[in-house]
Amino acid sequence: MLRRLVTALLTTAVLLAAGTTVAPTPAGAFPRHQPEPWRTWVQEEWTAPAGQYCTFPLQVRVVSQDVRVRVVDRYADGAVRREEFAGPLVVDFVNGDTGRAARRDAGGSGAADYRPDGTWRRYTIVGPAGFGFRPGDHHPRGYYLLDGLHVITFDADGTRRLAVAVGDQENVCLALGDAPDQG
């Protein structure tokens, strides 16, 4: 109960702090200040090559999910400015070389903010949720399970930064047998 209350308060604070500009909406369109209806979102299974997040190929296998997404703000041309994600998600992180696996709850909530060209500007997580940092990002390389409040910002060139970190950060690469990154 306390976790739900803290999550709700943190999510509200983040969304209010981020601010949203309201503009006129064409007839028949969703008002930009009103969230659109929730719809199902499917987390696909994926494999990252060795060196991207971990020294080994990292696989993500979905165990169970019921994730939803909705658009909460659009640019004047209709492009998505912000969407919210929420719902249960359980995944197995797998070391592609050894088969060693670690099951994790990644069913937190998040808000993705996009630039007008569709590239990511910011991703706010009220975890648990997974997120990866690559070589060249402004955070140690790894694929992290972030629990608590975390905000990732994206430079125009796609470089990622962990701008806000309140809570736990588990690098699942380490849990699967990777050595700590020395870079």
C-alpha atoms as a PDB file:
ATOM      1  CA  MET A   1       0.000   0.000   0.000  1.00  0.00           C
ATOM      2  CA  LEU A   2       2.797   2.415   0.919  1.00  0.00           C
ATOM      3  CA  ARG A   3       4.673   1.577  -2.306  1.00  0.00           C
ATOM      4  CA  ARG A   4       1.550   2.342  -4.395  1.00  0.00           C
ATOM      5  CA  LEU A   5       1.116   5.675  -2.628  1.00  0.00           C
ATOM      6  CA  VAL A   6       4.780   6.627  -3.096  1.00  0.00           C
ATOM      7  CA  THR A   7       4.646   5.539  -6.747  1.00  0.00           C
ATOM      8  CA  ALA A   8       1.523   7.601  -7.386  1.00  0.00           C
ATOM      9  CA  LEU A   9       2.999  10.665  -5.689  1.00  0.00           C
ATOM     10  CA  LEU A  10       6.330  10.363  -7.519  1.00  0.00           C
ATOM     11  CA  THR A  11       4.638   9.865 -10.881  1.00  0.00           C
ATOM     12  CA  THR A  12       2.405  12.884 -10.321  1.00  0.00           C
ATOM     13  CA  ALA A  13       5.353  15.025  -9.228  1.00  0.00           C
ATOM     14  CA  VAL A  14       7.458  14.024 -12.230  1.00  0.00           C
ATOM     15  CA  LEU A  15       4.691  14.634 -14.728  1.00  0.00           C
ATOM     16  CA  LEU A  16       3.828  17.992 -13.186  1.00  0.00           C
ATOM     17  CA  ALA A  17       7.478  19.027 -13.044  1.00  0.00           C
ATOM     18  CA  ALA A  18       7.981  18.103 -16.703  1.00  0.00           C
ATOM     19  CA  GLY A  19       5.171  20.454 -17.727  1.00  0.00           C
ATOM     20  CA  THR A  20       2.923  20.179 -20.752  1.00  0.00           C
ATOM     21  CA  THR A  21       1.950  22.878 -23.216  1.00  0.00           C
ATOM     22  CA  VAL A  22      -1.695  22.853 -24.252  1.00  0.00           C
ATOM     23  CA  ALA A  23      -2.648  24.007 -27.745  1.00  0.00           C
ATOM     24  CA  PRO A  24      -5.940  24.078 -29.649  1.00  0.00           C
ATOM     25  CA  THR A  25      -7.099  20.683 -30.898  1.00  0.00           C
ATOM     26  CA  PRO A  26      -8.742  20.071 -34.277  1.00  0.00           C
ATOM     27  CA  ALA A  27     -12.386  18.973 -34.154  1.00  0.00           C
ATOM     28  CA  GLY A  28     -12.697  15.225 -33.645  1.00  0.00           C
ATOM     29  CA  ALA A  29      -9.155  14.799 -32.322  1.00  0.00           C
ATOM     30  CA  PHE A  30      -8.274  13.938 -28.759  1.00  0.00           C
ATOM     31  CA  PRO A  31      -7.650  17.088 -26.724  1.00  0.00           C
ATOM     32  CA  ARG A  32      -3.894  17.332 -26.192  1.00  0.00           C
ATOM     33  CA  HIS A  33      -4.383  17.897 -22.475  1.00  0.00           C
ATOM     34  CA  GLN A  34      -6.483  14.745 -22.085  1.00  0.00           C
ATOM     35  CA  PRO A  35      -4.800  11.334 -22.129  1.00  0.00           C
ATOM     36  CA  GLU A  36      -5.871   9.050 -24.950  1.00  0.00           C
ATOM     37  CA  PRO A  37      -7.289   5.624 -24.029  1.00  0.00           C
ATOM     38  CA  TRP A  38      -4.960   2.920 -22.782  1.00  0.00           C
ATOM     39  CA  ARG A  39      -4.041   0.235 -25.317  1.00  0.00           C
ATOM     40  CA  THR A  40      -2.111  -3.016 -25.064  1.00  0.00           C
ATOM     41  CA  TRP A  41       1.647  -2.823 -25.571  1.00  0.00           C
ATOM     42  CA  VAL A  42       3.697  -5.962 -26.116  1.00  0.00           C
ATOM     43  CA  GLN A  43       7.249  -6.279 -24.839  1.00  0.00           C
ATOM     44  CA  GLU A  44       9.062  -8.241 -27.521  1.00  0.00           C
ATOM     45  CA  GLU A  45      11.888 -10.599 -26.646  1.00  0.00           C
ATOM     46  CA  TRP A  46      15.287  -9.366 -27.792  1.00  0.00           C
ATOM     47  CA  THR A  47      19.007 -10.072 -27.802  1.00  0.00           C
ATOM     48  CA  ALA A  48      21.708  -7.418 -27.498  1.00  0.00           C
ATOM     49  CA  PRO A  49      25.087  -8.328 -28.980  1.00  0.00           C
ATOM     50  CA  ALA A  50      28.122  -8.879 -26.765  1.00  0.00           C
ATOM     51  CA  GLY A  51      29.632  -5.532 -25.815  1.00  0.00           C
ATOM     52  CA  GLN A  52      26.458  -3.466 -26.123  1.00  0.00           C
ATOM     53  CA  TYR A  53      25.376  -3.839 -22.487  1.00  0.00           C
ATOM     54  CA  CYS A  54      27.296  -6.864 -21.195  1.00  0.00           C
ATOM     55  CA  THR A  55      30.485  -8.623 -22.325  1.00  0.00           C
ATOM     56  CA  PHE A  56      28.225 -11.484 -23.489  1.00  0.00           C
ATOM     57  CA  PRO A  57      25.056 -11.466 -25.635  1.00  0.00           C
ATOM     58  CA  LEU A  58      22.184 -10.422 -23.352  1.00  0.00           C
ATOM     59  CA  GLN A  59      18.822 -12.011 -24.041  1.00  0.00           C
ATOM     60  CA  VAL A  60      15.514 -10.856 -22.603  1.00  0.00           C
ATOM     61  CA  ARG A  61      12.757 -13.455 -22.518  1.00  0.00           C
ATOM     62  CA  VAL A  62       9.248 -12.451 -21.471  1.00  0.00           C
ATOM     63  CA  VAL A  63       7.701 -14.665 -18.772  1.00  0.00           C
ATOM     64  CA  SER A  64       4.440 -12.747 -18.323  1.00  0.00           C
ATOM     65  CA  GLN A  65       3.097  -9.322 -19.226  1.00  0.00           C
ATOM     66  CA  ASP A  66       0.042  -7.107 -19.268  1.00  0.00           C
ATOM     67  CA  VAL A  67       1.610  -3.770 -20.207  1.00  0.00           C
ATOM     68  CA  ARG A  68      -0.464  -0.824 -21.382  1.00  0.00           C
ATOM     69  CA  VAL A  69       0.495   2.416 -23.100  1.00  0.00           C
ATOM     70  CA  ARG A  70      -1.327   5.657 -23.778  1.00  0.00           C
ATOM     71  CA  VAL A  71      -0.487   8.938 -25.424  1.00  0.00           C
ATOM     72  CA  VAL A  72      -0.817  11.840 -22.999  1.00  0.00           C
ATOM     73  CA  ASP A  73       0.442  14.681 -25.203  1.00  0.00           C
ATOM     74  CA  ARG A  74       0.976  15.371 -28.908  1.00  0.00           C
ATOM     75  CA  TYR A  75       2.715  18.058 -30.908  1.00  0.00           C
ATOM     76  CA  ALA A  76       0.528  20.336 -33.045  1.00  0.00           C
ATOM     77  CA  ASP A  77       1.237  18.133 -36.098  1.00  0.00           C
ATOM     78  CA  GLY A  78      -0.078  15.055 -34.255  1.00  0.00           C
ATOM     79  CA  ALA A  79       3.300  13.468 -33.485  1.00  0.00           C
ATOM     80  CA  VAL A  80       3.542  11.911 -30.015  1.00  0.00           C
ATOM     81  CA  ARG A  81       5.221  14.171 -27.471  1.00  0.00           C
ATOM     82  CA  ARG A  82       4.689  11.974 -24.370  1.00  0.00           C
ATOM     83  CA  GLU A  83       3.352   8.512 -23.659  1.00  0.00           C
ATOM     84  CA  GLU A  84       2.921   6.578 -20.446  1.00  0.00           C
ATOM     85  CA  PHE A  85       3.597   2.878 -19.909  1.00  0.00           C
ATOM     86  CA  ALA A  86       2.293   0.776 -17.008  1.00  0.00           C
ATOM     87  CA  GLY A  87       1.501  -2.784 -16.094  1.00  0.00           C
ATOM     88  CA  PRO A  88       2.999  -6.023 -14.907  1.00  0.00           C
ATOM     89  CA  LEU A  89       6.019  -7.445 -16.713  1.00  0.00           C
ATOM     90  CA  VAL A  90       8.226 -10.336 -15.622  1.00  0.00           C
ATOM     91  CA  VAL A  91      11.303 -11.202 -17.689  1.00  0.00           C
ATOM     92  CA  ASP A  92      14.235 -13.580 -17.660  1.00  0.00           C
ATOM     93  CA  PHE A  93      17.574 -11.927 -18.378  1.00  0.00           C
ATOM     94  CA  VAL A  94      19.833 -14.564 -19.928  1.00  0.00           C
ATOM     95  CA  ASN A  95      23.581 -14.747 -20.515  1.00  0.00           C
ATOM     96  CA  GLY A  96      23.654 -15.854 -24.158  1.00  0.00           C
ATOM     97  CA  ASP A  97      27.029 -17.579 -23.711  1.00  0.00           C
ATOM     98  CA  THR A  98      26.339 -19.617 -20.573  1.00  0.00           C
ATOM     99  CA  GLY A  99      22.526 -19.820 -20.415  1.00  0.00           C
ATOM    100  CA  ARG A 100      22.586 -18.469 -16.858  1.00  0.00           C
ATOM    101  CA  ALA A 101      19.295 -16.674 -16.186  1.00  0.00           C
ATOM    102  CA  ALA A 102      17.927 -14.182 -13.666  1.00  0.00           C
ATOM    103  CA  ARG A 103      14.172 -13.623 -13.390  1.00  0.00           C
ATOM    104  CA  ARG A 104      13.102 -10.081 -12.502  1.00  0.00           C
ATOM    105  CA  ASP A 105       9.932  -8.039 -12.044  1.00  0.00           C
ATOM    106  CA  ALA A 106      10.212  -5.168 -14.532  1.00  0.00           C
ATOM    107  CA  GLY A 107       6.594  -4.040 -14.263  1.00  0.00           C
ATOM    108  CA  GLY A 108       6.924  -0.462 -13.108  1.00  0.00           C
ATOM    109  CA  SER A 109       5.624   2.580 -14.917  1.00  0.00           C
ATOM    110  CA  GLY A 110       7.239   5.147 -17.131  1.00  0.00           C
ATOM    111  CA  ALA A 111       6.769   8.263 -19.203  1.00  0.00           C
ATOM    112  CA  ALA A 112       8.617   8.650 -22.500  1.00  0.00           C
ATOM    113  CA  ASP A 113       9.115  12.156 -23.878  1.00  0.00           C
ATOM    114  CA  TYR A 114       9.974  12.521 -27.571  1.00  0.00           C
ATOM    115  CA  ARG A 115      11.409  15.301 -29.701  1.00  0.00           C
ATOM    116  CA  PRO A 116       9.359  16.496 -32.697  1.00  0.00           C
ATOM    117  CA  ASP A 117      11.420  14.179 -34.959  1.00  0.00           C
ATOM    118  CA  GLY A 118      10.382  11.151 -32.848  1.00  0.00           C
ATOM    119  CA  THR A 119      13.732  10.604 -31.101  1.00  0.00           C
ATOM    120  CA  TRP A 120      13.793  10.148 -27.337  1.00  0.00           C
ATOM    121  CA  ARG A 121      14.316  13.231 -25.193  1.00  0.00           C
ATOM    122  CA  ARG A 122      13.693  11.815 -21.709  1.00  0.00           C
ATOM    123  CA  TYR A 123      12.447   8.632 -20.089  1.00  0.00           C
ATOM    124  CA  THR A 124      11.114   8.755 -16.532  1.00  0.00           C
ATOM    125  CA  ILE A 125      10.830   5.468 -14.661  1.00  0.00           C
ATOM    126  CA  VAL A 126       9.033   4.672 -11.443  1.00  0.00           C
ATOM    127  CA  GLY A 127      10.428   1.174 -11.213  1.00  0.00           C
ATOM    128  CA  PRO A 128      11.092  -1.551 -11.359  1.00  0.00           C
ATOM    129  CA  ALA A 129      11.898  -1.289 -15.047  1.00  0.00           C
ATOM    130  CA  GLY A 130      14.850  -2.178 -17.232  1.00  0.00           C
ATOM    131  CA  PHE A 131      17.102   0.193 -19.141  1.00  0.00           C
ATOM    132  CA  GLY A 132      20.461  -0.187 -20.862  1.00  0.00           C
ATOM    133  CA  PHE A 133      23.545   1.993 -21.045  1.00  0.00           C
ATOM    134  CA  ARG A 134      26.065   1.448 -23.824  1.00  0.00           C
ATOM    135  CA  PRO A 135      29.734   2.304 -24.252  1.00  0.00           C
ATOM    136  CA  GLY A 136      29.957   6.081 -24.727  1.00  0.00           C
ATOM    137  CA  ASP A 137      26.907   6.845 -22.588  1.00  0.00           C
ATOM    138  CA  HIS A 138      27.312   8.952 -19.461  1.00  0.00           C
ATOM    139  CA  HIS A 139      26.762   6.017 -17.089  1.00  0.00           C
ATOM    140  CA  PRO A 140      28.654   2.740 -16.675  1.00  0.00           C
ATOM    141  CA  ARG A 141      27.804   0.231 -19.391  1.00  0.00           C
ATOM    142  CA  GLY A 142      25.234  -2.377 -18.393  1.00  0.00           C
ATOM    143  CA  TYR A 143      21.592  -3.321 -18.481  1.00  0.00           C
ATOM    144  CA  TYR A 144      19.989  -2.077 -15.291  1.00  0.00           C
ATOM    145  CA  LEU A 145      16.863  -2.928 -13.388  1.00  0.00           C
ATOM    146  CA  LEU A 146      15.952   0.479 -11.957  1.00  0.00           C
ATOM    147  CA  ASP A 147      13.664   0.551  -8.933  1.00  0.00           C
ATOM    148  CA  GLY A 148      12.498   3.862  -7.521  1.00  0.00           C
ATOM    149  CA  LEU A 149      12.523   7.141  -9.451  1.00  0.00           C
ATOM    150  CA  HIS A 150      15.001   7.384 -12.333  1.00  0.00           C
ATOM    151  CA  VAL A 151      15.147   9.854 -15.210  1.00  0.00           C
ATOM    152  CA  ILE A 152      17.222   9.119 -18.303  1.00  0.00           C
ATOM    153  CA  THR A 153      17.906  11.975 -20.709  1.00  0.00           C
ATOM    154  CA  PHE A 154      19.040  11.623 -24.320  1.00  0.00           C
ATOM    155  CA  ASP A 155      21.405  14.057 -26.001  1.00  0.00           C
ATOM    156  CA  ALA A 156      20.609  14.929 -29.616  1.00  0.00           C
ATOM    157  CA  ASP A 157      23.217  12.354 -30.735  1.00  0.00           C
ATOM    158  CA  GLY A 158      21.466   9.594 -28.724  1.00  0.00           C
ATOM    159  CA  THR A 159      23.937   9.550 -25.828  1.00  0.00           C
ATOM    160  CA  ARG A 160      22.154   8.536 -22.629  1.00  0.00           C
ATOM    161  CA  ARG A 161      22.528  10.110 -19.181  1.00  0.00           C
ATOM    162  CA  LEU A 162      21.085   9.076 -15.833  1.00  0.00           C
ATOM    163  CA  ALA A 163      19.917  12.527 -14.696  1.00  0.00           C
ATOM    164  CA  VAL A 164      17.940  11.462 -11.596  1.00  0.00           C
ATOM    165  CA  ALA A 165      18.584   8.319  -9.571  1.00  0.00           C
ATOM    166  CA  VAL A 166      16.528   7.730  -6.440  1.00  0.00           C
ATOM    167  CA  GLY A 167      16.375   4.066  -5.524  1.00  0.00           C
ATOM    168  CA  ASP A 168      18.113   0.852  -6.492  1.00  0.00           C
ATOM    169  CA  GLN A 169      20.114   0.150  -9.653  1.00  0.00           C
ATOM    170  CA  GLU A 170      20.912  -3.499 -10.315  1.00  0.00           C
ATOM    171  CA  ASN A 171      23.207  -4.173 -13.265  1.00  0.00           C
ATOM    172  CA  VAL A 172      21.838  -7.552 -14.394  1.00  0.00           C
ATOM    173  CA  CYS A 173      25.029  -8.151 -16.405  1.00  0.00           C
ATOM    174  CA  LEU A 174      26.817  -8.585 -13.059  1.00  0.00           C
ATOM    175  CA  ALA A 175      24.112 -10.957 -11.799  1.00  0.00           C
ATOM    176  CA  LEU A 176      24.685 -13.082 -14.923  1.00  0.00           C
ATOM    177  CA  GLY A 177      28.446 -13.362 -14.483  1.00  0.00           C
ATOM    178  CA  ASP A 178      29.899 -10.192 -16.025  1.00  0.00           C
ATOM    179  CA  ALA A 179      32.873  -8.507 -14.375  1.00  0.00           C
ATOM    180  CA  PRO A 180      32.327  -4.907 -13.193  1.00  0.00           C
ATOM    181  CA  ASP A 181      32.964  -2.356 -15.984  1.00  0.00           C
ATOM    182  CA  GLN A 182      36.289  -0.625 -15.476  1.00  0.00           C
ATOM    183  CA  GLY A 183      35.512   2.211 -17.937  1.00  0.00           C
END
